[in-house]
Amino acid sequence: MKIIESVEDVNFKTFPGGDMFSVLVGRHDSTGASEHHTVAIVKLPAGGKSDEHYHKEREESYFILRGCGRAIIDGIEKSVKTGSLVYTKPNEKHAFVNDSEEEFVYLIITAPCWIPEDSHY
């Protein structure tokens, strides 16, 4: 079992583009030792963009917690906002853009468990 009292209390890794990433549930003991899925949270600052990438073996669902922006999937752009859900299949290139002046925050649910070796740029 793993309980996170508030996602505001987790440690984030900041990437060169400014997006912040934290695994909440994952395959390592420190993140719950999940066998089948990963849950992560991303914070994109105003004007920020996540790196476009794809996964050969993983599907992902993105649930927008706060803010608005664009999801770009295989070159198709769609507006997303708080409450939106985005699903990507294996091999679909995807990225998110924060067009707003506020922070854009979303959860990522990945199955099977995310591993860095399956992120292709």
PDB file of N, CA and C in Angstrom:
ATOM      1  N   MET A   1       0.842  -1.180   0.000  1.00  0.00           N
ATOM      2  CA  MET A   1       0.000   0.000   0.000  1.00  0.00           C
ATOM      3  C   MET A   1       0.886   1.242   0.000  1.00  0.00           C
ATOM      4  N   LYS A   2       0.401   2.278  -0.648  1.00  0.00           N
ATOM      5  CA  LYS A   2       1.094   3.562  -0.650  1.00  0.00           C
ATOM      6  C   LYS A   2       0.039   4.663  -0.625  1.00  0.00           C
ATOM      7  N   ILE A   3       0.215   5.614   0.263  1.00  0.00           N
ATOM      8  CA  ILE A   3      -0.694   6.755   0.345  1.00  0.00           C
ATOM      9  C   ILE A   3       0.139   8.029   0.282  1.00  0.00           C
ATOM     10  N   ILE A   4      -0.241   8.925  -0.607  1.00  0.00           N
ATOM     11  CA  ILE A   4       0.390  10.243  -0.698  1.00  0.00           C
ATOM     12  C   ILE A   4      -0.650  11.235  -0.201  1.00  0.00           C
ATOM     13  N   GLU A   5      -0.345  11.903   0.889  1.00  0.00           N
ATOM     14  CA  GLU A   5      -1.315  12.832   1.489  1.00  0.00           C
ATOM     15  C   GLU A   5      -1.657  13.985   0.555  1.00  0.00           C
ATOM     16  N   SER A   6      -0.653  14.504  -0.153  1.00  0.00           N
ATOM     17  CA  SER A   6      -0.867  15.606  -1.087  1.00  0.00           C
ATOM     18  C   SER A   6       0.223  15.572  -2.144  1.00  0.00           C
ATOM     19  N   VAL A   7      -0.155  15.679  -3.412  1.00  0.00           N
ATOM     20  CA  VAL A   7       0.850  15.692  -4.477  1.00  0.00           C
ATOM     21  C   VAL A   7       1.707  16.954  -4.415  1.00  0.00           C
ATOM     22  N   GLU A   8       1.280  17.929  -3.638  1.00  0.00           N
ATOM     23  CA  GLU A   8       2.095  19.131  -3.462  1.00  0.00           C
ATOM     24  C   GLU A   8       3.338  18.837  -2.625  1.00  0.00           C
ATOM     25  N   ASP A   9       3.347  17.710  -1.917  1.00  0.00           N
ATOM     26  CA  ASP A   9       4.464  17.356  -1.037  1.00  0.00           C
ATOM     27  C   ASP A   9       5.498  16.442  -1.680  1.00  0.00           C
ATOM     28  N   VAL A  10       5.301  16.030  -2.927  1.00  0.00           N
ATOM     29  CA  VAL A  10       6.253  15.111  -3.562  1.00  0.00           C
ATOM     30  C   VAL A  10       7.430  15.874  -4.170  1.00  0.00           C
ATOM     31  N   ASN A  11       8.536  15.165  -4.375  1.00  0.00           N
ATOM     32  CA  ASN A  11       9.726  15.762  -4.998  1.00  0.00           C
ATOM     33  C   ASN A  11       9.601  15.652  -6.516  1.00  0.00           C
ATOM     34  N   PHE A  12       9.868  16.742  -7.200  1.00  0.00           N
ATOM     35  CA  PHE A  12       9.789  16.788  -8.654  1.00  0.00           C
ATOM     36  C   PHE A  12      11.185  16.902  -9.255  1.00  0.00           C
ATOM     37  N   LYS A  13      11.353  16.279 -10.417  1.00  0.00           N
ATOM     38  CA  LYS A  13      12.568  16.441 -11.223  1.00  0.00           C
ATOM     39  C   LYS A  13      12.232  17.455 -12.301  1.00  0.00           C
ATOM     40  N   THR A  14      13.073  18.480 -12.466  1.00  0.00           N
ATOM     41  CA  THR A  14      12.835  19.503 -13.485  1.00  0.00           C
ATOM     42  C   THR A  14      13.672  19.196 -14.721  1.00  0.00           C
ATOM     43  N   PHE A  15      13.031  19.215 -15.870  1.00  0.00           N
ATOM     44  CA  PHE A  15      13.697  18.942 -17.142  1.00  0.00           C
ATOM     45  C   PHE A  15      14.107  20.250 -17.808  1.00  0.00           C
ATOM     46  N   PRO A  16      15.014  20.198 -18.818  1.00  0.00           N
ATOM     47  CA  PRO A  16      15.510  21.416 -19.457  1.00  0.00           C
ATOM     48  C   PRO A  16      14.414  22.331 -20.002  1.00  0.00           C
ATOM     49  N   GLY A  17      13.296  21.766 -20.459  1.00  0.00           N
ATOM     50  CA  GLY A  17      12.196  22.583 -20.983  1.00  0.00           C
ATOM     51  C   GLY A  17      11.369  23.248 -19.899  1.00  0.00           C
ATOM     52  N   GLY A  18      11.671  22.939 -18.629  1.00  0.00           N
ATOM     53  CA  GLY A  18      10.959  23.546 -17.518  1.00  0.00           C
ATOM     54  C   GLY A  18       9.856  22.695 -16.930  1.00  0.00           C
ATOM     55  N   ASP A  19       9.492  21.591 -17.619  1.00  0.00           N
ATOM     56  CA  ASP A  19       8.447  20.740 -17.058  1.00  0.00           C
ATOM     57  C   ASP A  19       8.994  19.960 -15.865  1.00  0.00           C
ATOM     58  N   MET A  20       8.129  19.765 -14.878  1.00  0.00           N
ATOM     59  CA  MET A  20       8.496  19.056 -13.649  1.00  0.00           C
ATOM     60  C   MET A  20       7.740  17.739 -13.604  1.00  0.00           C
ATOM     61  N   PHE A  21       8.427  16.666 -13.206  1.00  0.00           N
ATOM     62  CA  PHE A  21       7.907  15.301 -13.308  1.00  0.00           C
ATOM     63  C   PHE A  21       8.172  14.563 -12.003  1.00  0.00           C
ATOM     64  N   SER A  22       7.191  13.784 -11.541  1.00  0.00           N
ATOM     65  CA  SER A  22       7.383  12.946 -10.358  1.00  0.00           C
ATOM     66  C   SER A  22       6.584  11.664 -10.513  1.00  0.00           C
ATOM     67  N   VAL A  23       7.229  10.520 -10.261  1.00  0.00           N
ATOM     68  CA  VAL A  23       6.528   9.237 -10.247  1.00  0.00           C
ATOM     69  C   VAL A  23       5.877   9.079  -8.879  1.00  0.00           C
ATOM     70  N   LEU A  24       4.557   8.905  -8.870  1.00  0.00           N
ATOM     71  CA  LEU A  24       3.817   8.727  -7.627  1.00  0.00           C
ATOM     72  C   LEU A  24       3.708   7.255  -7.254  1.00  0.00           C
ATOM     73  N   VAL A  25       3.421   6.409  -8.257  1.00  0.00           N
ATOM     74  CA  VAL A  25       3.358   4.956  -8.077  1.00  0.00           C
ATOM     75  C   VAL A  25       4.143   4.352  -9.224  1.00  0.00           C
ATOM     76  N   GLY A  26       5.058   3.448  -8.902  1.00  0.00           N
ATOM     77  CA  GLY A  26       5.872   2.841  -9.947  1.00  0.00           C
ATOM     78  C   GLY A  26       6.469   1.522  -9.507  1.00  0.00           C
ATOM     79  N   ARG A  27       7.433   1.052 -10.267  1.00  0.00           N
ATOM     80  CA  ARG A  27       7.984  -0.288 -10.061  1.00  0.00           C
ATOM     81  C   ARG A  27       8.990  -0.394  -8.933  1.00  0.00           C
ATOM     82  N   HIS A  28       9.529   0.716  -8.468  1.00  0.00           N
ATOM     83  CA  HIS A  28      10.528   0.685  -7.396  1.00  0.00           C
ATOM     84  C   HIS A  28       9.862   0.674  -6.025  1.00  0.00           C
ATOM     85  N   ASP A  29      10.565   0.129  -5.041  1.00  0.00           N
ATOM     86  CA  ASP A  29      10.031   0.065  -3.674  1.00  0.00           C
ATOM     87  C   ASP A  29       9.620   1.442  -3.162  1.00  0.00           C
ATOM     88  N   SER A  30      10.393   2.454  -3.491  1.00  0.00           N
ATOM     89  CA  SER A  30      10.113   3.810  -2.997  1.00  0.00           C
ATOM     90  C   SER A  30       8.815   4.396  -3.565  1.00  0.00           C
ATOM     91  N   THR A  31       8.329   3.808  -4.664  1.00  0.00           N
ATOM     92  CA  THR A  31       7.092   4.301  -5.274  1.00  0.00           C
ATOM     93  C   THR A  31       5.982   3.249  -5.253  1.00  0.00           C
ATOM     94  N   GLY A  32       6.104   2.271  -4.352  1.00  0.00           N
ATOM     95  CA  GLY A  32       5.020   1.309  -4.166  1.00  0.00           C
ATOM     96  C   GLY A  32       5.230  -0.069  -4.758  1.00  0.00           C
ATOM     97  N   ALA A  33       6.275  -0.262  -5.552  1.00  0.00           N
ATOM     98  CA  ALA A  33       6.584  -1.566  -6.167  1.00  0.00           C
ATOM     99  C   ALA A  33       5.413  -2.114  -6.995  1.00  0.00           C
ATOM    100  N   SER A  34       4.798  -1.252  -7.793  1.00  0.00           N
ATOM    101  CA  SER A  34       3.693  -1.682  -8.660  1.00  0.00           C
ATOM    102  C   SER A  34       4.200  -2.669  -9.700  1.00  0.00           C
ATOM    103  N   GLU A  35       3.415  -3.666  -9.979  1.00  0.00           N
ATOM    104  CA  GLU A  35       3.792  -4.670 -10.977  1.00  0.00           C
ATOM    105  C   GLU A  35       3.206  -4.393 -12.351  1.00  0.00           C
ATOM    106  N   HIS A  36       2.161  -3.561 -12.430  1.00  0.00           N
ATOM    107  CA  HIS A  36       1.440  -3.463 -13.688  1.00  0.00           C
ATOM    108  C   HIS A  36       1.247  -2.061 -14.255  1.00  0.00           C
ATOM    109  N   HIS A  37       1.428  -1.017 -13.458  1.00  0.00           N
ATOM    110  CA  HIS A  37       1.197   0.328 -13.988  1.00  0.00           C
ATOM    111  C   HIS A  37       2.041   1.360 -13.231  1.00  0.00           C
ATOM    112  N   THR A  38       2.109   2.539 -13.817  1.00  0.00           N
ATOM    113  CA  THR A  38       2.802   3.681 -13.214  1.00  0.00           C
ATOM    114  C   THR A  38       1.834   4.864 -13.211  1.00  0.00           C
ATOM    115  N   VAL A  39       1.894   5.651 -12.131  1.00  0.00           N
ATOM    116  CA  VAL A  39       1.156   6.906 -12.067  1.00  0.00           C
ATOM    117  C   VAL A  39       2.186   8.001 -11.802  1.00  0.00           C
ATOM    118  N   ALA A  40       2.173   9.028 -12.628  1.00  0.00           N
ATOM    119  CA  ALA A  40       3.108  10.149 -12.477  1.00  0.00           C
ATOM    120  C   ALA A  40       2.322  11.452 -12.560  1.00  0.00           C
ATOM    121  N   ILE A  41       2.948  12.514 -12.110  1.00  0.00           N
ATOM    122  CA  ILE A  41       2.345  13.839 -12.206  1.00  0.00           C
ATOM    123  C   ILE A  41       3.340  14.759 -12.905  1.00  0.00           C
ATOM    124  N   VAL A  42       2.821  15.626 -13.756  1.00  0.00           N
ATOM    125  CA  VAL A  42       3.649  16.589 -14.487  1.00  0.00           C
ATOM    126  C   VAL A  42       3.083  17.987 -14.259  1.00  0.00           C
ATOM    127  N   LYS A  43       3.997  18.935 -14.049  1.00  0.00           N
ATOM    128  CA  LYS A  43       3.634  20.351 -13.969  1.00  0.00           C
ATOM    129  C   LYS A  43       4.363  21.073 -15.092  1.00  0.00           C
ATOM    130  N   LEU A  44       3.587  21.718 -15.965  1.00  0.00           N
ATOM    131  CA  LEU A  44       4.165  22.518 -17.052  1.00  0.00           C
ATOM    132  C   LEU A  44       3.978  23.987 -16.706  1.00  0.00           C
ATOM    133  N   PRO A  45       5.052  24.761 -16.676  1.00  0.00           N
ATOM    134  CA  PRO A  45       4.903  26.193 -16.388  1.00  0.00           C
ATOM    135  C   PRO A  45       4.239  26.919 -17.560  1.00  0.00           C
ATOM    136  N   ALA A  46       3.791  28.123 -17.325  1.00  0.00           N
ATOM    137  CA  ALA A  46       3.203  28.945 -18.383  1.00  0.00           C
ATOM    138  C   ALA A  46       4.143  28.980 -19.585  1.00  0.00           C
ATOM    139  N   GLY A  47       3.610  28.693 -20.768  1.00  0.00           N
ATOM    140  CA  GLY A  47       4.406  28.698 -21.992  1.00  0.00           C
ATOM    141  C   GLY A  47       5.268  27.469 -22.186  1.00  0.00           C
ATOM    142  N   GLY A  48       5.212  26.501 -21.280  1.00  0.00           N
ATOM    143  CA  GLY A  48       6.062  25.313 -21.350  1.00  0.00           C
ATOM    144  C   GLY A  48       5.541  24.255 -22.298  1.00  0.00           C
ATOM    145  N   LYS A  49       6.435  23.344 -22.687  1.00  0.00           N
ATOM    146  CA  LYS A  49       6.081  22.223 -23.565  1.00  0.00           C
ATOM    147  C   LYS A  49       6.838  20.991 -23.106  1.00  0.00           C
ATOM    148  N   SER A  50       6.153  19.859 -23.065  1.00  0.00           N
ATOM    149  CA  SER A  50       6.838  18.598 -22.768  1.00  0.00           C
ATOM    150  C   SER A  50       7.564  18.126 -24.030  1.00  0.00           C
ATOM    151  N   ASP A  51       8.576  17.299 -23.869  1.00  0.00           N
ATOM    152  CA  ASP A  51       9.292  16.753 -25.016  1.00  0.00           C
ATOM    153  C   ASP A  51       8.394  15.780 -25.781  1.00  0.00           C
ATOM    154  N   GLU A  52       8.356  15.912 -27.096  1.00  0.00           N
ATOM    155  CA  GLU A  52       7.603  14.961 -27.897  1.00  0.00           C
ATOM    156  C   GLU A  52       8.315  13.616 -27.867  1.00  0.00           C
ATOM    157  N   HIS A  53       7.564  12.550 -27.633  1.00  0.00           N
ATOM    158  CA  HIS A  53       8.145  11.214 -27.556  1.00  0.00           C
ATOM    159  C   HIS A  53       7.065  10.166 -27.814  1.00  0.00           C
ATOM    160  N   TYR A  54       7.480   8.905 -27.828  1.00  0.00           N
ATOM    161  CA  TYR A  54       6.537   7.792 -27.957  1.00  0.00           C
ATOM    162  C   TYR A  54       7.084   6.610 -27.183  1.00  0.00           C
ATOM    163  N   HIS A  55       6.229   5.616 -26.986  1.00  0.00           N
ATOM    164  CA  HIS A  55       6.612   4.386 -26.296  1.00  0.00           C
ATOM    165  C   HIS A  55       6.249   3.213 -27.196  1.00  0.00           C
ATOM    166  N   LYS A  56       7.179   2.297 -27.396  1.00  0.00           N
ATOM    167  CA  LYS A  56       6.911   1.146 -28.254  1.00  0.00           C
ATOM    168  C   LYS A  56       5.962   0.140 -27.605  1.00  0.00           C
ATOM    169  N   GLU A  57       6.019   0.031 -26.285  1.00  0.00           N
ATOM    170  CA  GLU A  57       5.270  -1.034 -25.610  1.00  0.00           C
ATOM    171  C   GLU A  57       4.277  -0.534 -24.570  1.00  0.00           C
ATOM    172  N   ARG A  58       4.104   0.759 -24.403  1.00  0.00           N
ATOM    173  CA  ARG A  58       3.251   1.266 -23.342  1.00  0.00           C
ATOM    174  C   ARG A  58       2.147   2.158 -23.873  1.00  0.00           C
ATOM    175  N   GLU A  59       0.991   2.078 -23.200  1.00  0.00           N
ATOM    176  CA  GLU A  59      -0.096   3.006 -23.467  1.00  0.00           C
ATOM    177  C   GLU A  59      -0.200   3.923 -22.266  1.00  0.00           C
ATOM    178  N   GLU A  60      -0.692   5.140 -22.527  1.00  0.00           N
ATOM    179  CA  GLU A  60      -0.779   6.118 -21.445  1.00  0.00           C
ATOM    180  C   GLU A  60      -2.107   6.856 -21.507  1.00  0.00           C
ATOM    181  N   SER A  61      -2.616   7.171 -20.310  1.00  0.00           N
ATOM    182  CA  SER A  61      -3.774   8.045 -20.176  1.00  0.00           C
ATOM    183  C   SER A  61      -3.328   9.254 -19.384  1.00  0.00           C
ATOM    184  N   TYR A  62      -3.781  10.412 -19.814  1.00  0.00           N
ATOM    185  CA  TYR A  62      -3.419  11.679 -19.176  1.00  0.00           C
ATOM    186  C   TYR A  62      -4.703  12.328 -18.678  1.00  0.00           C
ATOM    187  N   PHE A  63      -4.754  12.644 -17.403  1.00  0.00           N
ATOM    188  CA  PHE A  63      -5.919  13.310 -16.829  1.00  0.00           C
ATOM    189  C   PHE A  63      -5.498  14.701 -16.391  1.00  0.00           C
ATOM    190  N   ILE A  64      -6.146  15.721 -16.951  1.00  0.00           N
ATOM    191  CA  ILE A  64      -5.773  17.109 -16.666  1.00  0.00           C
ATOM    192  C   ILE A  64      -6.377  17.527 -15.325  1.00  0.00           C
ATOM    193  N   LEU A  65      -5.498  17.858 -14.378  1.00  0.00           N
ATOM    194  CA  LEU A  65      -5.920  18.263 -13.034  1.00  0.00           C
ATOM    195  C   LEU A  65      -6.171  19.758 -12.923  1.00  0.00           C
ATOM    196  N   ARG A  66      -5.334  20.537 -13.619  1.00  0.00           N
ATOM    197  CA  ARG A  66      -5.431  21.994 -13.473  1.00  0.00           C
ATOM    198  C   ARG A  66      -4.854  22.665 -14.714  1.00  0.00           C
ATOM    199  N   GLY A  67      -5.539  23.701 -15.175  1.00  0.00           N
ATOM    200  CA  GLY A  67      -5.031  24.494 -16.292  1.00  0.00           C
ATOM    201  C   GLY A  67      -5.603  24.064 -17.630  1.00  0.00           C
ATOM    202  N   CYS A  68      -5.008  24.620 -18.673  1.00  0.00           N
ATOM    203  CA  CYS A  68      -5.433  24.297 -20.033  1.00  0.00           C
ATOM    204  C   CYS A  68      -4.227  24.380 -20.960  1.00  0.00           C
ATOM    205  N   GLY A  69      -4.371  23.725 -22.101  1.00  0.00           N
ATOM    206  CA  GLY A  69      -3.277  23.714 -23.061  1.00  0.00           C
ATOM    207  C   GLY A  69      -3.670  22.902 -24.279  1.00  0.00           C
ATOM    208  N   ARG A  70      -2.659  22.302 -24.907  1.00  0.00           N
ATOM    209  CA  ARG A  70      -2.885  21.480 -26.104  1.00  0.00           C
ATOM    210  C   ARG A  70      -2.195  20.142 -25.951  1.00  0.00           C
ATOM    211  N   ALA A  71      -2.874  19.092 -26.405  1.00  0.00           N
ATOM    212  CA  ALA A  71      -2.271  17.772 -26.558  1.00  0.00           C
ATOM    213  C   ALA A  71      -1.925  17.628 -28.034  1.00  0.00           C
ATOM    214  N   ILE A  72      -0.716  17.184 -28.329  1.00  0.00           N
ATOM    215  CA  ILE A  72      -0.290  16.955 -29.709  1.00  0.00           C
ATOM    216  C   ILE A  72       0.006  15.466 -29.840  1.00  0.00           C
ATOM    217  N   ILE A  73      -0.808  14.778 -30.646  1.00  0.00           N
ATOM    218  CA  ILE A  73      -0.654  13.332 -30.812  1.00  0.00           C
ATOM    219  C   ILE A  73      -0.532  13.029 -32.290  1.00  0.00           C
ATOM    220  N   ASP A  74       0.627  12.492 -32.675  1.00  0.00           N
ATOM    221  CA  ASP A  74       0.920  12.217 -34.082  1.00  0.00           C
ATOM    222  C   ASP A  74       0.624  13.422 -34.962  1.00  0.00           C
ATOM    223  N   GLY A  75       0.981  14.612 -34.465  1.00  0.00           N
ATOM    224  CA  GLY A  75       0.845  15.841 -35.235  1.00  0.00           C
ATOM    225  C   GLY A  75      -0.537  16.484 -35.179  1.00  0.00           C
ATOM    226  N   ILE A  76      -1.493  15.837 -34.552  1.00  0.00           N
ATOM    227  CA  ILE A  76      -2.843  16.392 -34.429  1.00  0.00           C
ATOM    228  C   ILE A  76      -2.950  17.103 -33.084  1.00  0.00           C
ATOM    229  N   GLU A  77      -3.354  18.368 -33.117  1.00  0.00           N
ATOM    230  CA  GLU A  77      -3.446  19.176 -31.896  1.00  0.00           C
ATOM    231  C   GLU A  77      -4.890  19.307 -31.457  1.00  0.00           C
ATOM    232  N   LYS A  78      -5.108  19.086 -30.158  1.00  0.00           N
ATOM    233  CA  LYS A  78      -6.434  19.232 -29.563  1.00  0.00           C
ATOM    234  C   LYS A  78      -6.308  20.036 -28.283  1.00  0.00           C
ATOM    235  N   SER A  79      -7.243  20.951 -28.066  1.00  0.00           N
ATOM    236  CA  SER A  79      -7.273  21.711 -26.816  1.00  0.00           C
ATOM    237  C   SER A  79      -7.737  20.807 -25.678  1.00  0.00           C
ATOM    238  N   VAL A  80      -7.097  20.974 -24.511  1.00  0.00           N
ATOM    239  CA  VAL A  80      -7.474  20.224 -23.312  1.00  0.00           C
ATOM    240  C   VAL A  80      -7.553  21.187 -22.135  1.00  0.00           C
ATOM    241  N   LYS A  81      -8.328  20.799 -21.127  1.00  0.00           N
ATOM    242  CA  LYS A  81      -8.508  21.664 -19.961  1.00  0.00           C
ATOM    243  C   LYS A  81      -8.761  20.789 -18.741  1.00  0.00           C
ATOM    244  N   THR A  82      -8.899  21.407 -17.583  1.00  0.00           N
ATOM    245  CA  THR A  82      -9.188  20.681 -16.358  1.00  0.00           C
ATOM    246  C   THR A  82     -10.346  19.713 -16.598  1.00  0.00           C
ATOM    247  N   GLY A  83     -10.132  18.443 -16.246  1.00  0.00           N
ATOM    248  CA  GLY A  83     -11.151  17.419 -16.433  1.00  0.00           C
ATOM    249  C   GLY A  83     -11.034  16.634 -17.721  1.00  0.00           C
ATOM    250  N   SER A  84     -10.198  17.082 -18.670  1.00  0.00           N
ATOM    251  CA  SER A  84     -10.016  16.348 -19.929  1.00  0.00           C
ATOM    252  C   SER A  84      -9.195  15.083 -19.684  1.00  0.00           C
ATOM    253  N   LEU A  85      -9.440  14.076 -20.528  1.00  0.00           N
ATOM    254  CA  LEU A  85      -8.673  12.832 -20.497  1.00  0.00           C
ATOM    255  C   LEU A  85      -8.143  12.568 -21.897  1.00  0.00           C
ATOM    256  N   VAL A  86      -6.852  12.255 -21.994  1.00  0.00           N
ATOM    257  CA  VAL A  86      -6.199  11.968 -23.269  1.00  0.00           C
ATOM    258  C   VAL A  86      -5.607  10.569 -23.168  1.00  0.00           C
ATOM    259  N   TYR A  87      -5.805   9.757 -24.189  1.00  0.00           N
ATOM    260  CA  TYR A  87      -5.259   8.397 -24.232  1.00  0.00           C
ATOM    261  C   TYR A  87      -4.338   8.255 -25.433  1.00  0.00           C
ATOM    262  N   THR A  88      -3.144   7.679 -25.222  1.00  0.00           N
ATOM    263  CA  THR A  88      -2.225   7.406 -26.325  1.00  0.00           C
ATOM    264  C   THR A  88      -1.891   5.924 -26.361  1.00  0.00           C
ATOM    265  N   LYS A  89      -1.861   5.391 -27.570  1.00  0.00           N
ATOM    266  CA  LYS A  89      -1.500   3.990 -27.800  1.00  0.00           C
ATOM    267  C   LYS A  89       0.009   3.887 -28.008  1.00  0.00           C
ATOM    268  N   PRO A  90       0.564   2.688 -27.926  1.00  0.00           N
ATOM    269  CA  PRO A  90       1.978   2.530 -28.259  1.00  0.00           C
ATOM    270  C   PRO A  90       2.276   3.080 -29.650  1.00  0.00           C
ATOM    271  N   ASN A  91       3.440   3.687 -29.789  1.00  0.00           N
ATOM    272  CA  ASN A  91       3.966   4.240 -31.036  1.00  0.00           C
ATOM    273  C   ASN A  91       3.316   5.554 -31.475  1.00  0.00           C
ATOM    274  N   GLU A  92       2.382   6.104 -30.707  1.00  0.00           N
ATOM    275  CA  GLU A  92       1.833   7.420 -31.028  1.00  0.00           C
ATOM    276  C   GLU A  92       2.718   8.490 -30.385  1.00  0.00           C
ATOM    277  N   LYS A  93       3.293   9.364 -31.216  1.00  0.00           N
ATOM    278  CA  LYS A  93       4.107  10.467 -30.685  1.00  0.00           C
ATOM    279  C   LYS A  93       3.186  11.443 -29.975  1.00  0.00           C
ATOM    280  N   HIS A  94       3.640  11.921 -28.800  1.00  0.00           N
ATOM    281  CA  HIS A  94       2.779  12.820 -28.037  1.00  0.00           C
ATOM    282  C   HIS A  94       3.584  13.847 -27.254  1.00  0.00           C
ATOM    283  N   ALA A  95       2.937  14.988 -27.025  1.00  0.00           N
ATOM    284  CA  ALA A  95       3.514  16.079 -26.239  1.00  0.00           C
ATOM    285  C   ALA A  95       2.362  16.957 -25.769  1.00  0.00           C
ATOM    286  N   PHE A  96       2.653  17.781 -24.755  1.00  0.00           N
ATOM    287  CA  PHE A  96       1.668  18.736 -24.252  1.00  0.00           C
ATOM    288  C   PHE A  96       2.275  20.128 -24.248  1.00  0.00           C
ATOM    289  N   VAL A  97       1.425  21.131 -24.504  1.00  0.00           N
ATOM    290  CA  VAL A  97       1.844  22.525 -24.532  1.00  0.00           C
ATOM    291  C   VAL A  97       0.947  23.311 -23.588  1.00  0.00           C
ATOM    292  N   ASN A  98       1.561  24.154 -22.767  1.00  0.00           N
ATOM    293  CA  ASN A  98       0.801  25.048 -21.898  1.00  0.00           C
ATOM    294  C   ASN A  98       0.757  26.419 -22.571  1.00  0.00           C
ATOM    295  N   ASP A  99      -0.396  26.762 -23.133  1.00  0.00           N
ATOM    296  CA  ASP A  99      -0.582  28.049 -23.803  1.00  0.00           C
ATOM    297  C   ASP A  99      -1.029  29.143 -22.843  1.00  0.00           C
ATOM    298  N   SER A 100      -1.286  28.794 -21.599  1.00  0.00           N
ATOM    299  CA  SER A 100      -1.874  29.748 -20.665  1.00  0.00           C
ATOM    300  C   SER A 100      -0.805  30.453 -19.827  1.00  0.00           C
ATOM    301  N   GLU A 101      -1.267  31.338 -18.995  1.00  0.00           N
ATOM    302  CA  GLU A 101      -0.384  32.066 -18.077  1.00  0.00           C
ATOM    303  C   GLU A 101      -0.310  31.377 -16.716  1.00  0.00           C
ATOM    304  N   GLU A 102      -1.002  30.253 -16.574  1.00  0.00           N
ATOM    305  CA  GLU A 102      -1.029  29.521 -15.312  1.00  0.00           C
ATOM    306  C   GLU A 102      -0.366  28.161 -15.465  1.00  0.00           C
ATOM    307  N   GLU A 103      -0.030  27.543 -14.359  1.00  0.00           N
ATOM    308  CA  GLU A 103       0.561  26.213 -14.370  1.00  0.00           C
ATOM    309  C   GLU A 103      -0.443  25.198 -14.923  1.00  0.00           C
ATOM    310  N   PHE A 104       0.042  24.247 -15.709  1.00  0.00           N
ATOM    311  CA  PHE A 104      -0.746  23.187 -16.337  1.00  0.00           C
ATOM    312  C   PHE A 104      -0.303  21.883 -15.686  1.00  0.00           C
ATOM    313  N   VAL A 105      -1.223  21.171 -15.017  1.00  0.00           N
ATOM    314  CA  VAL A 105      -0.856  19.992 -14.225  1.00  0.00           C
ATOM    315  C   VAL A 105      -1.686  18.801 -14.685  1.00  0.00           C
ATOM    316  N   TYR A 106      -1.016  17.657 -14.905  1.00  0.00           N
ATOM    317  CA  TYR A 106      -1.752  16.462 -15.311  1.00  0.00           C
ATOM    318  C   TYR A 106      -1.128  15.195 -14.739  1.00  0.00           C
ATOM    319  N   LEU A 107      -1.994  14.185 -14.551  1.00  0.00           N
ATOM    320  CA  LEU A 107      -1.559  12.853 -14.138  1.00  0.00           C
ATOM    321  C   LEU A 107      -1.323  12.016 -15.377  1.00  0.00           C
ATOM    322  N   ILE A 108      -0.347  11.106 -15.288  1.00  0.00           N
ATOM    323  CA  ILE A 108      -0.102  10.130 -16.353  1.00  0.00           C
ATOM    324  C   ILE A 108      -0.258   8.742 -15.747  1.00  0.00           C
ATOM    325  N   ILE A 109      -1.101   7.907 -16.360  1.00  0.00           N
ATOM    326  CA  ILE A 109      -1.238   6.512 -15.956  1.00  0.00           C
ATOM    327  C   ILE A 109      -0.693   5.685 -17.107  1.00  0.00           C
ATOM    328  N   THR A 110       0.324   4.875 -16.832  1.00  0.00           N
ATOM    329  CA  THR A 110       1.033   4.111 -17.859  1.00  0.00           C
ATOM    330  C   THR A 110       0.933   2.620 -17.565  1.00  0.00           C
ATOM    331  N   ALA A 111       0.649   1.833 -18.598  1.00  0.00           N
ATOM    332  CA  ALA A 111       0.638   0.379 -18.453  1.00  0.00           C
ATOM    333  C   ALA A 111       1.265  -0.240 -19.693  1.00  0.00           C
ATOM    334  N   PRO A 112       2.117  -1.272 -19.530  1.00  0.00           N
ATOM    335  CA  PRO A 112       2.651  -1.715 -18.241  1.00  0.00           C
ATOM    336  C   PRO A 112       3.527  -0.634 -17.614  1.00  0.00           C
ATOM    337  N   CYS A 113       4.143  -0.956 -16.480  1.00  0.00           N
ATOM    338  CA  CYS A 113       4.963   0.023 -15.756  1.00  0.00           C
ATOM    339  C   CYS A 113       5.928   0.745 -16.694  1.00  0.00           C
ATOM    340  N   TRP A 114       6.054   2.051 -16.485  1.00  0.00           N
ATOM    341  CA  TRP A 114       6.962   2.870 -17.283  1.00  0.00           C
ATOM    342  C   TRP A 114       8.412   2.516 -16.952  1.00  0.00           C
ATOM    343  N   ILE A 115       9.227   2.438 -17.992  1.00  0.00           N
ATOM    344  CA  ILE A 115      10.680   2.305 -17.845  1.00  0.00           C
ATOM    345  C   ILE A 115      11.316   3.323 -18.795  1.00  0.00           C
ATOM    346  N   PRO A 116      12.395   3.961 -18.371  1.00  0.00           N
ATOM    347  CA  PRO A 116      13.014   4.995 -19.231  1.00  0.00           C
ATOM    348  C   PRO A 116      13.420   4.471 -20.609  1.00  0.00           C
ATOM    349  N   GLU A 117      13.786   3.210 -20.700  1.00  0.00           N
ATOM    350  CA  GLU A 117      14.246   2.644 -21.979  1.00  0.00           C
ATOM    351  C   GLU A 117      13.146   2.610 -23.043  1.00  0.00           C
ATOM    352  N   ASP A 118      11.890   2.777 -22.644  1.00  0.00           N
ATOM    353  CA  ASP A 118      10.798   2.766 -23.610  1.00  0.00           C
ATOM    354  C   ASP A 118      10.271   4.171 -23.927  1.00  0.00           C
ATOM    355  N   SER A 119      11.072   5.181 -23.640  1.00  0.00           N
ATOM    356  CA  SER A 119      10.743   6.552 -24.058  1.00  0.00           C
ATOM    357  C   SER A 119      11.659   6.907 -25.211  1.00  0.00           C
ATOM    358  N   HIS A 120      11.077   7.114 -26.386  1.00  0.00           N
ATOM    359  CA  HIS A 120      11.839   7.351 -27.609  1.00  0.00           C
ATOM    360  C   HIS A 120      11.528   8.754 -28.134  1.00  0.00           C
ATOM    361  N   TYR A 121      12.601   9.511 -28.491  1.00  0.00           N
ATOM    362  CA  TYR A 121      12.448  10.909 -28.894  1.00  0.00           C
ATOM    363  C   TYR A 121      12.719  11.088 -30.369  1.00  0.00           C
TER     364      TYR A 121
END
